[in-house]
C-alpha atoms as a PDB file:
ATOM      1  CA  MET A   1      35.583 -44.744  44.627  1.00  0.00           C
ATOM      2  CA  GLY A   2      32.445 -43.335  42.893  1.00  0.00           C
ATOM      3  CA  LYS A   3      30.892 -44.813  39.657  1.00  0.00           C
ATOM      4  CA  ILE A   4      32.249 -43.211  36.259  1.00  0.00           C
ATOM      5  CA  LEU A   5      29.378 -41.527  34.742  1.00  0.00           C
ATOM      6  CA  PRO A   6      28.924 -41.833  31.111  1.00  0.00           C
ATOM      7  CA  PHE A   7      30.355 -38.849  28.964  1.00  0.00           C
ATOM      8  CA  PHE A   8      27.139 -38.371  27.239  1.00  0.00           C
ATOM      9  CA  ASN A   9      24.214 -39.113  29.526  1.00  0.00           C
ATOM     10  CA  GLN A  10      21.135 -38.275  27.427  1.00  0.00           C
ATOM     11  CA  GLU A  11      20.495 -39.709  23.902  1.00  0.00           C
ATOM     12  CA  ALA A  12      20.081 -36.125  22.413  1.00  0.00           C
ATOM     13  CA  GLN A  13      23.546 -34.982  23.576  1.00  0.00           C
ATOM     14  CA  LEU A  14      24.875 -38.342  22.239  1.00  0.00           C
ATOM     15  CA  VAL A  15      23.299 -37.765  18.782  1.00  0.00           C
ATOM     16  CA  LYS A  16      24.582 -33.930  18.632  1.00  0.00           C
ATOM     17  CA  ALA A  17      28.215 -35.190  19.551  1.00  0.00           C
ATOM     18  CA  LEU A  18      28.120 -37.875  16.856  1.00  0.00           C
ATOM     19  CA  GLN A  19      26.888 -35.392  14.291  1.00  0.00           C
ATOM     20  CA  LYS A  20      30.030 -33.370  15.086  1.00  0.00           C
ATOM     21  CA  ALA A  21      31.986 -36.533  14.591  1.00  0.00           C
ATOM     22  CA  ASP A  22      33.169 -36.524  18.323  1.00  0.00           C
ATOM     23  CA  PRO A  23      35.364 -39.569  18.813  1.00  0.00           C
ATOM     24  CA  LYS A  24      34.435 -39.952  22.336  1.00  0.00           C
ATOM     25  CA  ALA A  25      30.757 -40.153  21.443  1.00  0.00           C
ATOM     26  CA  GLN A  26      31.629 -42.719  18.610  1.00  0.00           C
ATOM     27  CA  ARG A  27      33.518 -44.872  21.111  1.00  0.00           C
ATOM     28  CA  GLN A  28      30.482 -44.724  23.593  1.00  0.00           C
ATOM     29  CA  VAL A  29      28.091 -45.720  20.865  1.00  0.00           C
ATOM     30  CA  TYR A  30      30.188 -48.492  19.590  1.00  0.00           C
ATOM     31  CA  GLU A  31      30.953 -49.916  23.411  1.00  0.00           C
ATOM     32  CA  LYS A  32      27.271 -49.686  24.417  1.00  0.00           C
ATOM     33  CA  TYR A  33      25.749 -51.291  21.228  1.00  0.00           C
ATOM     34  CA  SER A  34      28.398 -53.404  19.380  1.00  0.00           C
ATOM     35  CA  SER A  35      27.777 -56.624  21.275  1.00  0.00           C
ATOM     36  CA  ARG A  36      23.901 -56.444  20.639  1.00  0.00           C
ATOM     37  CA  MET A  37      24.611 -55.595  17.037  1.00  0.00           C
ATOM     38  CA  LEU A  38      27.065 -58.283  16.296  1.00  0.00           C
ATOM     39  CA  GLY A  39      24.469 -60.570  17.402  1.00  0.00           C
ATOM     40  CA  VAL A  40      22.030 -58.975  14.639  1.00  0.00           C
ATOM     41  CA  CYS A  41      24.838 -59.328  12.108  1.00  0.00           C
ATOM     42  CA  MET A  42      25.367 -62.963  13.106  1.00  0.00           C
ATOM     43  CA  ARG A  43      21.811 -63.803  12.473  1.00  0.00           C
ATOM     44  CA  TYR A  44      21.927 -62.584   9.177  1.00  0.00           C
ATOM     45  CA  VAL A  45      25.445 -63.500   7.961  1.00  0.00           C
ATOM     46  CA  GLY A  46      25.912 -66.750   9.910  1.00  0.00           C
ATOM     47  CA  ASP A  47      29.730 -66.641  10.659  1.00  0.00           C
ATOM     48  CA  ARG A  48      31.482 -64.424  13.190  1.00  0.00           C
ATOM     49  CA  MET A  49      34.381 -63.278  10.972  1.00  0.00           C
ATOM     50  CA  SER A  50      31.904 -62.095   8.542  1.00  0.00           C
ATOM     51  CA  ALA A  51      29.432 -60.638  10.946  1.00  0.00           C
ATOM     52  CA  GLU A  52      32.401 -58.843  12.464  1.00  0.00           C
ATOM     53  CA  ASP A  53      33.194 -57.111   9.096  1.00  0.00           C
ATOM     54  CA  VAL A  54      29.547 -56.315   8.601  1.00  0.00           C
ATOM     55  CA  LEU A  55      29.476 -54.693  12.136  1.00  0.00           C
ATOM     56  CA  VAL A  56      32.602 -52.618  11.435  1.00  0.00           C
ATOM     57  CA  GLU A  57      30.902 -51.372   8.037  1.00  0.00           C
ATOM     58  CA  GLY A  58      27.694 -50.819   9.801  1.00  0.00           C
ATOM     59  CA  PHE A  59      29.197 -48.493  12.704  1.00  0.00           C
ATOM     60  CA  MET A  60      31.105 -46.587   9.932  1.00  0.00           C
ATOM     61  CA  ARG A  61      27.821 -45.932   7.917  1.00  0.00           C
ATOM     62  CA  VAL A  62      26.093 -45.149  11.490  1.00  0.00           C
ATOM     63  CA  PHE A  63      28.836 -42.372  12.122  1.00  0.00           C
ATOM     64  CA  ASP A  64      28.649 -41.257   8.347  1.00  0.00           C
ATOM     65  CA  LYS A  65      25.063 -41.025   8.078  1.00  0.00           C
ATOM     66  CA  ILE A  66      24.045 -39.893  11.580  1.00  0.00           C
ATOM     67  CA  ASP A  67      22.522 -36.876  10.292  1.00  0.00           C
ATOM     68  CA  GLN A  68      19.656 -39.020   8.688  1.00  0.00           C
ATOM     69  CA  PHE A  69      18.724 -39.959  12.530  1.00  0.00           C
ATOM     70  CA  LYS A  70      15.588 -37.864  12.955  1.00  0.00           C
ATOM     71  CA  SER A  71      14.875 -38.981  16.651  1.00  0.00           C
ATOM     72  CA  GLU A  72      11.581 -40.336  15.929  1.00  0.00           C
ATOM     73  CA  GLY A  73      12.594 -43.604  17.517  1.00  0.00           C
ATOM     74  CA  SER A  74      15.430 -44.777  19.672  1.00  0.00           C
ATOM     75  CA  LEU A  75      18.890 -44.333  18.445  1.00  0.00           C
ATOM     76  CA  GLU A  76      19.548 -48.342  19.082  1.00  0.00           C
ATOM     77  CA  GLY A  77      16.682 -48.985  16.917  1.00  0.00           C
ATOM     78  CA  TRP A  78      18.128 -46.879  14.126  1.00  0.00           C
ATOM     79  CA  ILE A  79      21.442 -48.417  14.446  1.00  0.00           C
ATOM     80  CA  ARG A  80      19.763 -51.693  14.298  1.00  0.00           C
ATOM     81  CA  ARG A  81      18.141 -50.926  11.087  1.00  0.00           C
ATOM     82  CA  VAL A  82      21.376 -49.742   9.731  1.00  0.00           C
ATOM     83  CA  MET A  83      23.048 -53.117  10.750  1.00  0.00           C
ATOM     84  CA  VAL A  84      20.306 -55.144   8.993  1.00  0.00           C
ATOM     85  CA  ASN A  85      20.580 -53.016   5.945  1.00  0.00           C
ATOM     86  CA  GLU A  86      24.337 -53.651   6.154  1.00  0.00           C
ATOM     87  CA  ALA A  87      24.119 -57.341   6.548  1.00  0.00           C
ATOM     88  CA  LEU A  88      21.432 -57.607   3.559  1.00  0.00           C
ATOM     89  CA  GLY A  89      23.889 -55.685   1.543  1.00  0.00           C
ATOM     90  CA  TYR A  90      26.695 -58.120   2.345  1.00  0.00           C
ATOM     91  CA  LEU A  91      24.436 -61.094   1.287  1.00  0.00           C
ATOM     92  CA  ARG A  92      23.442 -59.388  -1.850  1.00  0.00           C
ATOM     93  CA  GLN A  93      27.177 -58.857  -2.725  1.00  0.00           C
ATOM     94  CA  ARG A  94      27.884 -62.573  -2.155  1.00  0.00           C
ATOM     95  CA  LYS A  95      24.816 -63.419  -3.816  1.00  0.00           C
ATOM     96  CA  ARG A  96      23.854 -65.688  -1.016  1.00  0.00           C
ATOM     97  CA  LEU A  97      20.354 -64.220  -0.232  1.00  0.00           C
ATOM     98  CA  LEU A  98      18.029 -66.352  -1.865  1.00  0.00           C
ATOM     99  CA  ASP A  99      19.491 -70.067  -1.830  1.00  0.00           C
ATOM    100  CA  ASP A 100      17.617 -72.683  -3.619  1.00  0.00           C
ATOM    101  CA  VAL A 101      16.839 -75.495  -1.186  1.00  0.00           C
ATOM    102  CA  ASP A 102      15.211 -78.691  -2.119  1.00  0.00           C
ATOM    103  CA  LEU A 103      11.634 -78.467  -1.546  1.00  0.00           C
ATOM    104  CA  ASP A 104      11.583 -81.928   0.156  1.00  0.00           C
ATOM    105  CA  GLU A 105      14.098 -80.640   2.679  1.00  0.00           C
ATOM    106  CA  ALA A 106      11.350 -78.071   3.799  1.00  0.00           C
ATOM    107  CA  GLN A 107       8.342 -80.131   3.800  1.00  0.00           C
ATOM    108  CA  THR A 108       5.756 -78.869   6.112  1.00  0.00           C
ATOM    109  CA  VAL A 109       5.689 -80.621   9.387  1.00  0.00           C
ATOM    110  CA  PRO A 110       2.669 -81.021  11.407  1.00  0.00           C
ATOM    111  CA  ASP A 111       2.735 -78.692  14.330  1.00  0.00           C
ATOM    112  CA  ALA A 112       1.528 -81.392  16.856  1.00  0.00           C
ATOM    113  CA  SER A 113       4.128 -81.278  19.592  1.00  0.00           C
ATOM    114  CA  PRO A 114       5.080 -77.970  21.472  1.00  0.00           C
ATOM    115  CA  ILE A 115       8.735 -77.232  21.649  1.00  0.00           C
ATOM    116  CA  ASP A 116      10.692 -79.147  24.478  1.00  0.00           C
ATOM    117  CA  GLN A 117      11.254 -77.097  27.382  1.00  0.00           C
ATOM    118  CA  ASN A 118      14.906 -77.963  27.393  1.00  0.00           C
ATOM    119  CA  LEU A 119      15.705 -75.873  24.253  1.00  0.00           C
ATOM    120  CA  GLU A 120      17.316 -72.771  25.412  1.00  0.00           C
ATOM    121  CA  ALA A 121      17.084 -69.387  23.613  1.00  0.00           C
ATOM    122  CA  GLN A 122      20.869 -69.758  22.451  1.00  0.00           C
ATOM    123  CA  GLU A 123      20.265 -73.339  21.169  1.00  0.00           C
ATOM    124  CA  LEU A 124      17.374 -72.035  19.261  1.00  0.00           C
ATOM    125  CA  MET A 125      19.518 -69.084  17.768  1.00  0.00           C
ATOM    126  CA  ASN A 126      22.156 -71.717  16.774  1.00  0.00           C
ATOM    127  CA  ILE A 127      19.313 -73.729  14.881  1.00  0.00           C
ATOM    128  CA  ILE A 128      18.259 -70.651  13.181  1.00  0.00           C
ATOM    129  CA  GLU A 129      21.734 -69.953  12.060  1.00  0.00           C
ATOM    130  CA  GLY A 130      21.777 -73.378  10.476  1.00  0.00           C
ATOM    131  CA  LEU A 131      18.948 -72.497   8.041  1.00  0.00           C
ATOM    132  CA  PRO A 132      20.025 -71.560   4.513  1.00  0.00           C
ATOM    133  CA  THR A 133      20.698 -67.911   3.881  1.00  0.00           C
ATOM    134  CA  GLY A 134      17.480 -66.989   2.201  1.00  0.00           C
ATOM    135  CA  TYR A 135      15.205 -68.590   4.669  1.00  0.00           C
ATOM    136  CA  ARG A 136      17.225 -67.284   7.674  1.00  0.00           C
ATOM    137  CA  THR A 137      17.188 -63.504   6.198  1.00  0.00           C
ATOM    138  CA  VAL A 138      13.252 -63.573   5.683  1.00  0.00           C
ATOM    139  CA  PHE A 139      12.601 -65.496   8.966  1.00  0.00           C
ATOM    140  CA  ASN A 140      14.783 -62.880  10.925  1.00  0.00           C
ATOM    141  CA  LEU A 141      13.175 -59.997   9.254  1.00  0.00           C
ATOM    142  CA  TYR A 142       9.821 -61.129   9.673  1.00  0.00           C
ATOM    143  CA  ALA A 143       9.822 -62.892  13.105  1.00  0.00           C
ATOM    144  CA  ILE A 144      12.438 -61.052  14.951  1.00  0.00           C
ATOM    145  CA  GLU A 145      12.676 -57.424  13.360  1.00  0.00           C
ATOM    146  CA  GLY A 146       8.982 -57.240  12.683  1.00  0.00           C
ATOM    147  CA  TYR A 147       9.116 -56.271   8.988  1.00  0.00           C
ATOM    148  CA  SER A 148       5.893 -56.938   6.986  1.00  0.00           C
ATOM    149  CA  HIS A 149       6.194 -58.925   3.587  1.00  0.00           C
ATOM    150  CA  ALA A 150       5.582 -55.933   1.630  1.00  0.00           C
ATOM    151  CA  GLU A 151       8.743 -54.239   3.231  1.00  0.00           C
ATOM    152  CA  ILE A 152      10.689 -57.496   3.068  1.00  0.00           C
ATOM    153  CA  ALA A 153      10.019 -57.708  -0.653  1.00  0.00           C
ATOM    154  CA  ASP A 154      10.925 -54.128  -1.044  1.00  0.00           C
ATOM    155  CA  LEU A 155      14.366 -54.599   1.037  1.00  0.00           C
ATOM    156  CA  LEU A 156      15.203 -57.892  -0.874  1.00  0.00           C
ATOM    157  CA  GLY A 157      14.011 -56.986  -4.180  1.00  0.00           C
ATOM    158  CA  ILE A 158      11.709 -60.061  -4.236  1.00  0.00           C
ATOM    159  CA  SER A 159       7.793 -60.351  -4.517  1.00  0.00           C
ATOM    160  CA  GLU A 160       5.582 -60.494  -1.476  1.00  0.00           C
ATOM    161  CA  SER A 161       4.793 -63.907  -2.374  1.00  0.00           C
ATOM    162  CA  THR A 162       8.447 -65.040  -2.521  1.00  0.00           C
ATOM    163  CA  SER A 163       8.827 -63.611   1.104  1.00  0.00           C
ATOM    164  CA  LYS A 164       5.844 -65.686   2.308  1.00  0.00           C
ATOM    165  CA  SER A 165       7.130 -68.564   0.501  1.00  0.00           C
ATOM    166  CA  GLN A 166      10.426 -68.306   2.063  1.00  0.00           C
ATOM    167  CA  LEU A 167       9.028 -67.635   5.654  1.00  0.00           C
ATOM    168  CA  HIS A 168       6.762 -70.645   5.338  1.00  0.00           C
ATOM    169  CA  ARG A 169       9.562 -72.795   4.104  1.00  0.00           C
ATOM    170  CA  ALA A 170      11.851 -71.441   7.100  1.00  0.00           C
ATOM    171  CA  ARG A 171       9.338 -72.369   9.553  1.00  0.00           C
ATOM    172  CA  ALA A 172       8.757 -75.749   8.319  1.00  0.00           C
ATOM    173  CA  LEU A 173      12.611 -76.573   8.436  1.00  0.00           C
ATOM    174  CA  LEU A 174      12.847 -74.983  11.696  1.00  0.00           C
ATOM    175  CA  GLN A 175      10.091 -77.202  13.036  1.00  0.00           C
ATOM    176  CA  GLN A 176      11.937 -80.251  11.523  1.00  0.00           C
ATOM    177  CA  LEU A 177      15.417 -79.054  13.049  1.00  0.00           C
ATOM    178  CA  VAL A 178      13.678 -78.357  16.511  1.00  0.00           C
ATOM    179  CA  MET A 179      12.211 -82.001  16.377  1.00  0.00           C
ATOM    180  CA  ASP A 180      15.494 -83.323  15.348  1.00  0.00           C
ATOM    181  CA  TRP A 181      17.365 -81.439  18.017  1.00  0.00           C
ATOM    182  CA  GLU A 182      14.572 -82.729  20.541  1.00  0.00           C
ATOM    183  CA  ASN A 183      15.157 -86.370  19.470  1.00  0.00           C
ATOM    184  CA  GLY A 184      18.775 -86.150  19.817  1.00  0.00           C
ATOM    185  CA  TYR A 185      18.497 -84.428  23.284  1.00  0.00           C
ATOM    186  CA  LYS A 186      16.069 -87.111  24.523  1.00  0.00           C
ATOM    187  CA  LYS A 187      18.381 -89.875  23.302  1.00  0.00           C
ATOM    188  CA  LYS A 188      21.317 -87.955  25.062  1.00  0.00           C
ATOM    189  CA  GLY A 189      19.257 -88.164  28.293  1.00  0.00           C
ATOM    190  CA  THR A 190      18.367 -91.734  27.983  1.00  0.00           C
ATOM    191  CA  TYR A 191      21.754 -92.631  27.395  1.00  0.00           C
ATOM    192  CA  GLU A 192      23.107 -90.688  30.289  1.00  0.00           C
ATOM    193  CA  LYS A 193      20.398 -92.294  32.555  1.00  0.00           C
ATOM    194  CA  ALA A 194      21.391 -95.750  31.121  1.00  0.00           C
ATOM    195  CA  SER A 195      25.084 -95.184  31.876  1.00  0.00           C
ATOM    196  CA  SER A 196      24.726 -93.938  35.410  1.00  0.00           C
END
């Protein structure tokens, strides 16, 4: 049996169909991008149920505002920006955007040792999810999405210096969390060797 071809095989056709509110095109876009966009939402929101809510709201906005897509970049990139904005809106509504964290908790950790090679990407993402909401949000926008501090300040309604400060604190706390993870991993390995 032959492979079933996608209903819309070119992005331009897909966008035109979305602009006509074609349910098949909407379904294809959702099926193609939902798992990746759920990951984006999870990075900002932190818990799966809330991230799924943001995802659904985000796709509703994508389908409602598709006329604003100008084909200047990829459709996926535009959808990602919509999802980021939706997640930020969710955090703003819940006033969880810029949590106050004790400065002692985010003290600068010297960057003396490289990250352990045993740290997998998913484990690092889990550590990032453990950051306070404000730190995680600025870190994601800057380090993962590639926004500048000026753009972050505009998006979040904060000053550039606050954005830089949140990023600095996020990095310091991340370094500490990674070092804690490494120490736990090494202890676990030592324990497993001793019990063998």
